N, C-alpha and C. Protein backbone atom coordinates (compact mmCIF):
# COMPACT_ATOMS: atom_id res chain seq x y z
N UNK A 1 -29.57 59.39 3.72
CA UNK A 1 -28.86 58.20 3.28
C UNK A 1 -28.80 57.23 4.45
N UNK A 2 -29.09 55.97 4.23
CA UNK A 2 -29.03 54.98 5.29
C UNK A 2 -27.58 54.72 5.66
N UNK A 3 -27.37 54.20 6.86
CA UNK A 3 -26.01 53.93 7.33
C UNK A 3 -25.30 52.95 6.41
N UNK A 4 -26.01 51.94 5.93
CA UNK A 4 -25.39 50.94 5.06
C UNK A 4 -24.90 51.57 3.76
N UNK A 5 -25.71 52.45 3.17
CA UNK A 5 -25.29 53.10 1.94
C UNK A 5 -24.10 54.02 2.20
N UNK A 6 -24.11 54.73 3.35
CA UNK A 6 -23.01 55.63 3.68
C UNK A 6 -21.71 54.89 3.86
N UNK A 7 -21.76 53.75 4.53
CA UNK A 7 -20.55 52.94 4.74
C UNK A 7 -20.00 52.45 3.41
N UNK A 8 -20.87 52.04 2.51
CA UNK A 8 -20.42 51.55 1.20
C UNK A 8 -19.91 52.68 0.32
N UNK A 9 -20.40 53.90 0.54
CA UNK A 9 -20.03 55.02 -0.32
C UNK A 9 -18.58 55.46 -0.12
N UNK A 10 -18.06 55.36 1.08
CA UNK A 10 -16.68 55.83 1.33
C UNK A 10 -15.66 55.01 0.55
N UNK A 11 -15.69 53.67 0.60
CA UNK A 11 -14.73 52.91 -0.22
C UNK A 11 -14.88 53.21 -1.72
N UNK A 12 -16.11 53.39 -2.17
CA UNK A 12 -16.35 53.72 -3.58
C UNK A 12 -15.69 55.06 -3.91
N UNK A 13 -15.90 56.07 -3.07
CA UNK A 13 -15.30 57.39 -3.29
C UNK A 13 -13.78 57.29 -3.28
N UNK A 14 -13.23 56.53 -2.36
CA UNK A 14 -11.77 56.35 -2.30
C UNK A 14 -11.24 55.73 -3.58
N UNK A 15 -11.97 54.74 -4.10
CA UNK A 15 -11.55 54.07 -5.33
C UNK A 15 -11.58 55.03 -6.52
N UNK A 16 -12.64 55.80 -6.66
CA UNK A 16 -12.76 56.74 -7.77
C UNK A 16 -11.66 57.79 -7.69
N UNK A 17 -11.44 58.35 -6.51
CA UNK A 17 -10.42 59.39 -6.34
C UNK A 17 -9.01 58.82 -6.54
N UNK A 18 -8.78 57.59 -6.12
CA UNK A 18 -7.46 56.96 -6.30
C UNK A 18 -7.11 56.79 -7.78
N UNK A 19 -8.14 56.69 -8.62
CA UNK A 19 -7.91 56.58 -10.07
C UNK A 19 -7.72 57.95 -10.71
N UNK A 20 -7.71 59.01 -9.90
CA UNK A 20 -7.49 60.35 -10.41
C UNK A 20 -8.74 61.01 -10.98
N UNK A 21 -9.89 60.44 -10.69
CA UNK A 21 -11.15 60.98 -11.21
C UNK A 21 -11.85 61.82 -10.16
N UNK A 22 -12.76 62.67 -10.62
CA UNK A 22 -13.58 63.49 -9.74
C UNK A 22 -14.89 62.79 -9.45
N UNK A 23 -15.53 63.21 -8.37
CA UNK A 23 -16.73 62.53 -7.91
C UNK A 23 -17.67 63.52 -7.24
N UNK A 24 -18.95 63.49 -7.63
CA UNK A 24 -19.98 64.30 -6.96
C UNK A 24 -20.53 63.52 -5.78
N UNK A 25 -20.65 64.19 -4.63
CA UNK A 25 -21.27 63.62 -3.43
C UNK A 25 -22.32 64.61 -2.92
N UNK A 26 -23.26 64.12 -2.16
CA UNK A 26 -24.31 64.98 -1.61
C UNK A 26 -24.04 65.22 -0.13
N UNK A 27 -24.08 66.48 0.27
CA UNK A 27 -23.90 66.86 1.68
C UNK A 27 -25.10 66.39 2.48
N UNK A 28 -24.83 65.83 3.67
CA UNK A 28 -25.92 65.31 4.49
C UNK A 28 -25.97 65.94 5.87
N UNK A 29 -24.94 66.68 6.27
CA UNK A 29 -24.92 67.22 7.63
C UNK A 29 -25.08 68.74 7.64
N UNK A 30 -25.20 69.27 8.84
CA UNK A 30 -25.35 70.71 9.04
C UNK A 30 -24.03 71.40 9.40
N UNK A 31 -22.94 70.66 9.46
CA UNK A 31 -21.68 71.20 9.99
C UNK A 31 -21.06 72.31 9.15
N UNK A 32 -21.44 72.44 7.89
CA UNK A 32 -20.84 73.48 7.03
C UNK A 32 -21.82 74.61 6.70
N UNK A 33 -22.92 74.70 7.46
CA UNK A 33 -23.85 75.80 7.25
C UNK A 33 -23.16 77.14 7.52
N UNK A 34 -23.50 78.18 6.87
CA UNK A 34 -24.57 78.31 5.89
C UNK A 34 -24.12 78.11 4.45
N UNK A 35 -22.81 78.08 4.20
CA UNK A 35 -22.32 78.01 2.83
C UNK A 35 -22.72 76.70 2.15
N UNK A 36 -22.53 75.59 2.84
CA UNK A 36 -22.88 74.29 2.29
C UNK A 36 -24.01 73.72 3.13
N UNK A 37 -25.11 73.40 2.45
CA UNK A 37 -26.32 72.93 3.14
C UNK A 37 -26.61 71.48 2.78
N UNK A 38 -27.35 70.79 3.66
CA UNK A 38 -27.77 69.44 3.29
C UNK A 38 -28.52 69.47 1.96
N UNK A 39 -28.19 68.53 1.09
CA UNK A 39 -28.79 68.48 -0.24
C UNK A 39 -27.89 69.08 -1.31
N UNK A 40 -26.95 69.94 -0.93
CA UNK A 40 -26.00 70.47 -1.91
C UNK A 40 -25.11 69.34 -2.39
N UNK A 41 -24.70 69.41 -3.65
CA UNK A 41 -23.76 68.44 -4.19
C UNK A 41 -22.37 69.07 -4.21
N UNK A 42 -21.37 68.27 -3.88
CA UNK A 42 -19.99 68.73 -3.80
C UNK A 42 -19.14 67.92 -4.76
N UNK A 43 -18.34 68.61 -5.56
CA UNK A 43 -17.45 67.92 -6.48
C UNK A 43 -16.11 67.72 -5.79
N UNK A 44 -15.75 66.47 -5.56
CA UNK A 44 -14.48 66.13 -4.93
C UNK A 44 -13.44 65.85 -6.00
N UNK A 45 -12.25 66.40 -5.80
CA UNK A 45 -11.13 66.16 -6.72
C UNK A 45 -9.97 65.58 -5.93
N UNK A 46 -9.21 64.68 -6.55
CA UNK A 46 -8.05 64.12 -5.86
C UNK A 46 -7.09 65.24 -5.46
N UNK A 47 -6.35 65.01 -4.40
CA UNK A 47 -5.39 66.02 -3.94
C UNK A 47 -4.29 66.23 -4.95
N UNK A 48 -3.81 65.14 -5.54
CA UNK A 48 -2.71 65.26 -6.50
C UNK A 48 -1.54 65.99 -5.85
N UNK A 49 -0.92 66.88 -6.60
CA UNK A 49 0.21 67.63 -6.07
C UNK A 49 -0.23 68.99 -5.51
N UNK A 50 -1.53 69.24 -5.48
CA UNK A 50 -2.04 70.51 -4.98
C UNK A 50 -1.72 70.67 -3.50
N UNK A 51 -1.29 71.85 -3.15
CA UNK A 51 -1.05 72.17 -1.75
C UNK A 51 -2.38 72.57 -1.12
N UNK A 52 -2.64 72.02 0.04
CA UNK A 52 -3.85 72.37 0.78
C UNK A 52 -3.46 73.44 1.79
N UNK A 53 -4.15 74.56 1.72
CA UNK A 53 -3.83 75.66 2.63
C UNK A 53 -5.06 76.05 3.43
N UNK A 54 -4.85 76.92 4.41
CA UNK A 54 -5.95 77.39 5.26
C UNK A 54 -7.06 77.96 4.39
N UNK A 55 -8.29 77.59 4.73
CA UNK A 55 -9.46 78.06 4.00
C UNK A 55 -10.00 77.05 3.01
N UNK A 56 -9.18 76.11 2.56
CA UNK A 56 -9.64 75.10 1.60
C UNK A 56 -10.71 74.22 2.25
N UNK A 57 -11.64 73.76 1.45
CA UNK A 57 -12.66 72.82 1.92
C UNK A 57 -12.21 71.44 1.44
N UNK A 58 -12.11 70.51 2.39
CA UNK A 58 -11.58 69.19 2.09
C UNK A 58 -12.57 68.10 2.51
N UNK A 59 -12.30 66.90 2.02
CA UNK A 59 -13.01 65.71 2.46
C UNK A 59 -11.99 64.80 3.12
N UNK A 60 -12.35 64.28 4.28
CA UNK A 60 -11.47 63.32 4.95
C UNK A 60 -12.29 62.21 5.58
N UNK A 61 -11.59 61.09 5.84
CA UNK A 61 -12.24 59.94 6.46
C UNK A 61 -12.20 60.09 7.97
N UNK A 62 -13.34 59.80 8.59
CA UNK A 62 -13.41 59.68 10.05
C UNK A 62 -14.19 58.40 10.29
N UNK A 63 -13.46 57.38 10.70
CA UNK A 63 -14.02 56.04 10.84
C UNK A 63 -14.62 55.62 9.50
N UNK A 64 -15.93 55.34 9.45
CA UNK A 64 -16.51 54.89 8.18
C UNK A 64 -17.25 56.01 7.47
N UNK A 65 -17.02 57.26 7.89
CA UNK A 65 -17.73 58.39 7.30
C UNK A 65 -16.79 59.28 6.51
N UNK A 66 -17.40 60.02 5.60
CA UNK A 66 -16.70 61.04 4.84
C UNK A 66 -17.11 62.39 5.44
N UNK A 67 -16.14 63.18 5.86
CA UNK A 67 -16.41 64.46 6.51
C UNK A 67 -15.92 65.58 5.59
N UNK A 68 -16.77 66.61 5.45
CA UNK A 68 -16.42 67.79 4.66
C UNK A 68 -16.26 68.94 5.64
N UNK A 69 -15.03 69.48 5.77
CA UNK A 69 -14.78 70.61 6.67
C UNK A 69 -13.75 71.54 6.03
N UNK A 70 -13.60 72.71 6.63
CA UNK A 70 -12.67 73.74 6.16
C UNK A 70 -11.35 73.62 6.92
N UNK A 71 -10.24 73.77 6.20
CA UNK A 71 -8.91 73.69 6.79
C UNK A 71 -8.61 74.98 7.55
N UNK A 72 -8.19 74.83 8.81
CA UNK A 72 -7.74 75.98 9.59
C UNK A 72 -6.23 76.14 9.48
N UNK A 73 -5.54 75.02 9.48
CA UNK A 73 -4.08 75.05 9.32
C UNK A 73 -3.60 73.70 8.80
N UNK A 74 -2.46 73.74 8.14
CA UNK A 74 -1.86 72.52 7.59
C UNK A 74 -0.40 72.45 8.02
N UNK A 75 0.05 71.25 8.34
CA UNK A 75 1.43 71.01 8.74
C UNK A 75 1.86 69.67 8.14
N UNK A 76 3.10 69.31 8.36
CA UNK A 76 3.59 68.05 7.79
C UNK A 76 2.88 66.84 8.37
N UNK A 77 2.35 66.96 9.58
CA UNK A 77 1.67 65.83 10.22
C UNK A 77 0.20 65.70 9.82
N UNK A 78 -0.38 66.76 9.25
CA UNK A 78 -1.78 66.70 8.85
C UNK A 78 -2.43 68.07 8.87
N UNK A 79 -3.75 68.09 8.95
CA UNK A 79 -4.49 69.35 8.94
C UNK A 79 -5.39 69.44 10.16
N UNK A 80 -5.62 70.68 10.57
CA UNK A 80 -6.65 70.96 11.56
C UNK A 80 -7.79 71.56 10.76
N UNK A 81 -8.98 70.96 10.89
CA UNK A 81 -10.14 71.40 10.13
C UNK A 81 -11.31 71.63 11.08
N UNK A 82 -12.33 72.30 10.56
CA UNK A 82 -13.50 72.60 11.37
C UNK A 82 -14.68 72.82 10.46
N UNK A 83 -15.83 72.36 10.87
CA UNK A 83 -17.06 72.69 10.16
C UNK A 83 -17.38 74.15 10.40
N UNK A 84 -17.83 74.86 9.37
CA UNK A 84 -18.11 76.29 9.49
C UNK A 84 -19.13 76.58 10.59
N UNK A 85 -20.06 75.67 10.83
CA UNK A 85 -21.11 75.89 11.83
C UNK A 85 -20.72 75.39 13.22
N UNK A 86 -19.55 74.83 13.36
CA UNK A 86 -19.13 74.26 14.63
C UNK A 86 -18.23 75.23 15.39
N UNK A 87 -18.26 75.16 16.71
CA UNK A 87 -17.46 76.05 17.53
C UNK A 87 -16.02 75.56 17.68
N UNK A 88 -15.82 74.26 17.70
CA UNK A 88 -14.50 73.71 17.97
C UNK A 88 -13.93 72.99 16.76
N UNK A 89 -12.62 73.04 16.60
CA UNK A 89 -12.00 72.31 15.48
C UNK A 89 -11.96 70.81 15.75
N UNK A 90 -11.76 70.08 14.67
CA UNK A 90 -11.57 68.64 14.75
C UNK A 90 -10.18 68.36 15.32
N UNK A 91 -9.98 67.16 15.87
CA UNK A 91 -8.60 66.77 16.21
C UNK A 91 -7.77 66.74 14.92
N UNK A 92 -6.47 66.76 15.05
CA UNK A 92 -5.58 66.71 13.89
C UNK A 92 -5.97 65.56 12.98
N UNK A 93 -6.12 65.87 11.68
CA UNK A 93 -6.45 64.85 10.68
C UNK A 93 -5.16 64.50 9.94
N UNK A 94 -4.64 63.29 10.12
CA UNK A 94 -3.41 62.90 9.41
C UNK A 94 -3.62 62.95 7.90
N UNK A 95 -2.56 63.25 7.15
CA UNK A 95 -2.66 63.36 5.70
C UNK A 95 -3.23 62.10 5.06
N UNK A 96 -2.97 60.94 5.65
CA UNK A 96 -3.48 59.69 5.11
C UNK A 96 -5.00 59.60 5.14
N UNK A 97 -5.66 60.43 5.94
CA UNK A 97 -7.11 60.42 6.02
C UNK A 97 -7.75 61.50 5.15
N UNK A 98 -6.94 62.45 4.66
CA UNK A 98 -7.45 63.50 3.77
C UNK A 98 -7.52 62.90 2.38
N UNK A 99 -8.74 62.84 1.82
CA UNK A 99 -8.87 62.13 0.55
C UNK A 99 -9.14 63.02 -0.65
N UNK A 100 -9.62 64.24 -0.43
CA UNK A 100 -9.95 65.08 -1.59
C UNK A 100 -10.12 66.53 -1.15
N UNK A 101 -10.17 67.39 -2.15
CA UNK A 101 -10.55 68.78 -1.92
C UNK A 101 -11.86 69.02 -2.63
N UNK A 102 -12.67 69.90 -2.09
CA UNK A 102 -13.95 70.24 -2.71
C UNK A 102 -13.68 71.37 -3.69
N UNK A 103 -13.97 71.14 -4.97
CA UNK A 103 -13.66 72.12 -6.01
C UNK A 103 -14.88 72.82 -6.58
N UNK A 104 -16.08 72.29 -6.28
CA UNK A 104 -17.30 72.94 -6.78
C UNK A 104 -18.48 72.56 -5.89
N UNK A 105 -19.46 73.45 -5.88
CA UNK A 105 -20.72 73.22 -5.17
C UNK A 105 -21.85 73.35 -6.17
N UNK A 106 -22.87 72.51 -6.02
CA UNK A 106 -24.07 72.65 -6.85
C UNK A 106 -25.27 72.56 -5.92
N UNK A 107 -26.07 73.63 -5.92
CA UNK A 107 -27.26 73.67 -5.06
C UNK A 107 -28.37 72.84 -5.69
N UNK A 108 -29.39 72.48 -4.91
CA UNK A 108 -30.50 71.70 -5.45
C UNK A 108 -31.19 72.38 -6.64
N UNK A 109 -31.14 73.72 -6.71
CA UNK A 109 -31.76 74.41 -7.84
C UNK A 109 -30.85 74.44 -9.08
N UNK A 110 -29.67 73.81 -8.98
CA UNK A 110 -28.78 73.68 -10.13
C UNK A 110 -27.70 74.74 -10.25
N UNK A 111 -27.67 75.70 -9.34
CA UNK A 111 -26.64 76.75 -9.40
C UNK A 111 -25.28 76.15 -9.06
N UNK A 112 -24.31 76.40 -9.93
CA UNK A 112 -22.97 75.83 -9.78
C UNK A 112 -21.98 76.90 -9.36
N UNK A 113 -21.15 76.59 -8.36
CA UNK A 113 -20.10 77.48 -7.89
C UNK A 113 -18.77 76.76 -8.03
N UNK A 114 -17.87 77.32 -8.84
CA UNK A 114 -16.53 76.76 -9.01
C UNK A 114 -15.61 77.36 -7.95
N UNK A 115 -15.21 76.57 -6.97
CA UNK A 115 -14.39 77.07 -5.87
C UNK A 115 -12.95 77.37 -6.27
N UNK A 116 -12.55 76.94 -7.47
CA UNK A 116 -11.21 77.25 -7.96
C UNK A 116 -11.17 78.55 -8.75
N UNK A 117 -12.35 79.12 -9.06
CA UNK A 117 -12.43 80.34 -9.89
C UNK A 117 -12.61 81.57 -8.99
N UNK A 118 -12.07 82.69 -9.46
CA UNK A 118 -12.21 83.96 -8.75
C UNK A 118 -13.68 84.25 -8.53
N UNK A 119 -14.06 84.71 -7.37
CA UNK A 119 -13.30 85.18 -6.20
C UNK A 119 -13.16 84.13 -5.11
N UNK A 120 -13.57 82.88 -5.38
CA UNK A 120 -13.65 81.87 -4.33
C UNK A 120 -12.34 81.53 -3.64
N UNK A 121 -11.19 81.46 -4.31
CA UNK A 121 -9.96 81.21 -3.54
C UNK A 121 -9.72 82.29 -2.47
N UNK A 122 -10.01 83.54 -2.80
CA UNK A 122 -9.85 84.61 -1.82
C UNK A 122 -10.90 84.53 -0.72
N UNK A 123 -12.13 84.26 -1.11
CA UNK A 123 -13.21 84.13 -0.13
C UNK A 123 -12.91 82.98 0.83
N UNK A 124 -12.46 81.85 0.31
CA UNK A 124 -12.16 80.71 1.17
C UNK A 124 -11.01 81.01 2.13
N UNK A 125 -10.00 81.77 1.67
CA UNK A 125 -8.92 82.16 2.60
C UNK A 125 -9.44 83.04 3.71
N UNK A 126 -10.29 83.99 3.34
CA UNK A 126 -10.90 84.87 4.34
C UNK A 126 -11.73 84.06 5.33
N UNK A 127 -12.57 83.16 4.81
CA UNK A 127 -13.40 82.34 5.69
C UNK A 127 -12.54 81.43 6.57
N UNK A 128 -11.43 80.94 6.04
CA UNK A 128 -10.53 80.13 6.85
C UNK A 128 -9.94 80.92 8.00
N UNK A 129 -9.57 82.18 7.74
CA UNK A 129 -9.04 83.04 8.81
C UNK A 129 -10.09 83.33 9.86
N UNK A 130 -11.29 83.63 9.42
CA UNK A 130 -12.39 83.90 10.36
C UNK A 130 -12.70 82.64 11.17
N UNK A 131 -12.73 81.48 10.51
CA UNK A 131 -13.02 80.23 11.21
C UNK A 131 -11.95 79.92 12.25
N UNK A 132 -10.71 80.25 11.94
CA UNK A 132 -9.62 80.03 12.89
C UNK A 132 -9.78 80.91 14.13
N UNK A 133 -10.13 82.16 13.91
CA UNK A 133 -10.37 83.07 15.04
C UNK A 133 -11.55 82.59 15.87
N UNK A 134 -12.63 82.23 15.18
CA UNK A 134 -13.84 81.78 15.88
C UNK A 134 -13.58 80.51 16.69
N UNK A 135 -12.71 79.64 16.19
CA UNK A 135 -12.47 78.39 16.91
C UNK A 135 -11.72 78.63 18.22
N UNK A 136 -11.05 79.76 18.32
CA UNK A 136 -10.32 80.08 19.56
C UNK A 136 -11.24 80.55 20.67
N UNK A 137 -12.46 80.91 20.30
CA UNK A 137 -13.42 81.36 21.30
C UNK A 137 -14.23 80.16 21.77
N UNK A 138 -14.04 79.77 22.97
CA UNK A 138 -14.71 78.58 23.48
C UNK A 138 -16.11 78.91 23.97
N UNK A 139 -17.10 78.36 23.32
CA UNK A 139 -18.48 78.59 23.74
C UNK A 139 -18.78 77.93 25.08
N UNK A 140 -18.07 76.87 25.41
CA UNK A 140 -18.32 76.20 26.68
C UNK A 140 -17.97 77.09 27.85
N UNK A 141 -16.96 77.94 27.71
CA UNK A 141 -16.54 78.77 28.83
C UNK A 141 -17.28 80.08 28.88
N UNK A 142 -17.93 80.49 27.77
CA UNK A 142 -18.59 81.79 27.81
C UNK A 142 -20.11 81.67 27.83
N UNK A 143 -20.70 80.72 27.14
CA UNK A 143 -22.13 80.49 27.17
C UNK A 143 -22.99 81.75 27.06
N UNK A 144 -24.28 81.56 26.89
CA UNK A 144 -25.24 82.65 26.91
C UNK A 144 -24.89 83.81 26.01
N UNK A 145 -25.14 85.04 26.50
CA UNK A 145 -24.93 86.25 25.70
C UNK A 145 -23.71 87.02 26.19
N UNK A 146 -22.68 86.30 26.62
CA UNK A 146 -21.46 86.97 27.08
C UNK A 146 -20.79 87.66 25.90
N UNK A 147 -19.87 88.59 26.16
CA UNK A 147 -19.17 89.28 25.06
C UNK A 147 -18.47 88.31 24.10
N UNK A 148 -17.86 87.25 24.62
CA UNK A 148 -17.18 86.29 23.73
C UNK A 148 -18.18 85.59 22.83
N UNK A 149 -19.34 85.26 23.38
CA UNK A 149 -20.37 84.61 22.58
C UNK A 149 -20.86 85.54 21.48
N UNK A 150 -21.02 86.80 21.80
CA UNK A 150 -21.46 87.78 20.79
C UNK A 150 -20.40 87.97 19.71
N UNK A 151 -19.13 87.95 20.10
CA UNK A 151 -18.05 88.04 19.11
C UNK A 151 -18.09 86.82 18.19
N UNK A 152 -18.28 85.64 18.78
CA UNK A 152 -18.34 84.42 17.97
C UNK A 152 -19.50 84.50 16.98
N UNK A 153 -20.66 84.97 17.45
CA UNK A 153 -21.82 85.13 16.56
C UNK A 153 -21.52 86.13 15.45
N UNK A 154 -20.86 87.22 15.79
CA UNK A 154 -20.50 88.24 14.80
C UNK A 154 -19.55 87.66 13.74
N UNK A 155 -18.65 86.80 14.17
CA UNK A 155 -17.70 86.18 13.23
C UNK A 155 -18.40 85.22 12.26
N UNK A 156 -19.63 84.86 12.52
CA UNK A 156 -20.39 84.01 11.60
C UNK A 156 -20.90 84.81 10.40
N UNK A 157 -20.98 86.14 10.51
CA UNK A 157 -21.52 86.98 9.43
C UNK A 157 -20.83 86.78 8.08
N UNK A 158 -19.49 86.70 8.01
CA UNK A 158 -18.88 86.49 6.68
C UNK A 158 -19.35 85.21 5.98
N UNK A 159 -19.68 84.18 6.74
CA UNK A 159 -20.16 82.93 6.15
C UNK A 159 -21.54 83.14 5.52
N UNK A 160 -22.38 83.90 6.19
CA UNK A 160 -23.71 84.21 5.63
C UNK A 160 -23.58 85.12 4.41
N UNK A 161 -22.67 86.09 4.47
CA UNK A 161 -22.45 86.95 3.31
C UNK A 161 -21.98 86.15 2.10
N UNK A 162 -21.06 85.21 2.35
CA UNK A 162 -20.57 84.37 1.24
C UNK A 162 -21.72 83.57 0.66
N UNK A 163 -22.58 83.06 1.50
CA UNK A 163 -23.72 82.26 1.02
C UNK A 163 -24.69 83.08 0.17
N UNK A 164 -25.05 84.25 0.67
CA UNK A 164 -26.11 85.01 0.02
C UNK A 164 -25.63 85.98 -1.06
N UNK A 165 -24.44 86.55 -0.91
CA UNK A 165 -23.96 87.52 -1.90
C UNK A 165 -23.26 86.84 -3.06
N UNK A 166 -22.37 85.91 -2.76
CA UNK A 166 -21.54 85.32 -3.81
C UNK A 166 -22.13 84.07 -4.42
N UNK A 167 -23.06 83.44 -3.76
CA UNK A 167 -23.61 82.20 -4.28
C UNK A 167 -24.97 82.46 -4.85
């Protein structure tokens, strides 16, 4: 997607979600690998009165972009989120920037996954816990094949299992 189209897409998505409607968007980054890949379509739903908890996949605004990441923790001031493929969490995202939750995934081959249906709420909680543990391991301080790096790599396994076994 060109930068101009991406910039125009965020206000459009905000408008659709503000009217209480759902919206399909296409993933463009690698930050949520392996569960969500570039080319996958994501169904965004307004937050409404739903509580966002650890493990949920959300959409939030970062400058003129729409970011899809997993919630590590939620507080009254906002959420701490992280891309599944990233080592470090995002800075605190204020609630005013959280615009939707991801409720379904559709792969390019048409396979649909309803994230609100069993077993996905449990899987997402598990992945949120694993992501939280993994984010505490700083790759910058351990680098290479140190024990911490190997633990971080091992903690990536549940994400691959979710991708290949459940999807």
